[in-house]
């Protein structure tokens, strides 16, 4: 999935000469926490966050700070054709809540945030679809998932998403989300094939 499919296109922005109170007001009225600072030609000049703005509000009223003082210069950016996984890794590694999306000329095209990534995760995992999750212990068999998938399909199940416990190295624990249906029939078939059902999450 590309970042362009998730990012907030036509993002709200502010000009470099604006004040901190103006930036805070834009964020409040638009219900956003990240605000790109954009030059008149459309190029990104920086990035400001609501948390930084709030800390700077009182000093700005005393004339001690202006927007340039709290603007993140050369913020971490991504390209709209980068993969969403890249955005997730960067946001996690940098411990940031969002970042600008720019083209090759640093022109602002959008903003992507943790909220956008969470929405994508929820949709990809099928969490908003009537479903049930099976936690299956497949032992150490590298071919287990193919076999489990076949058993589920033969018993009328539809896999919406699947994952594996990355922290386990001795056994393969699969988390399989199925479309709502006769999960007990599937559970019985998997157990009959030697797979242990650790839990069913309705």
Foldseek 3Di string as FASTA:
>chain_A
DFQLVQFDFPDAAAEPVDWLVVVLVVCVVVVHFKHFHAYPVQATQFIAGNVLSVVCVVVVVVVNDGPVVRTHGPDDEAERGDHVVVVVVVCVVVVHFKHFYADPRRGTGGIDGPVSVVVVVCVQQVVVAAKKKWWKWQFPDPCRVVVLVVLCVVQPWDWSDKDWDPVDDGTTIMITITHDDPVVSSQVSCVVVPMDTPDMGD
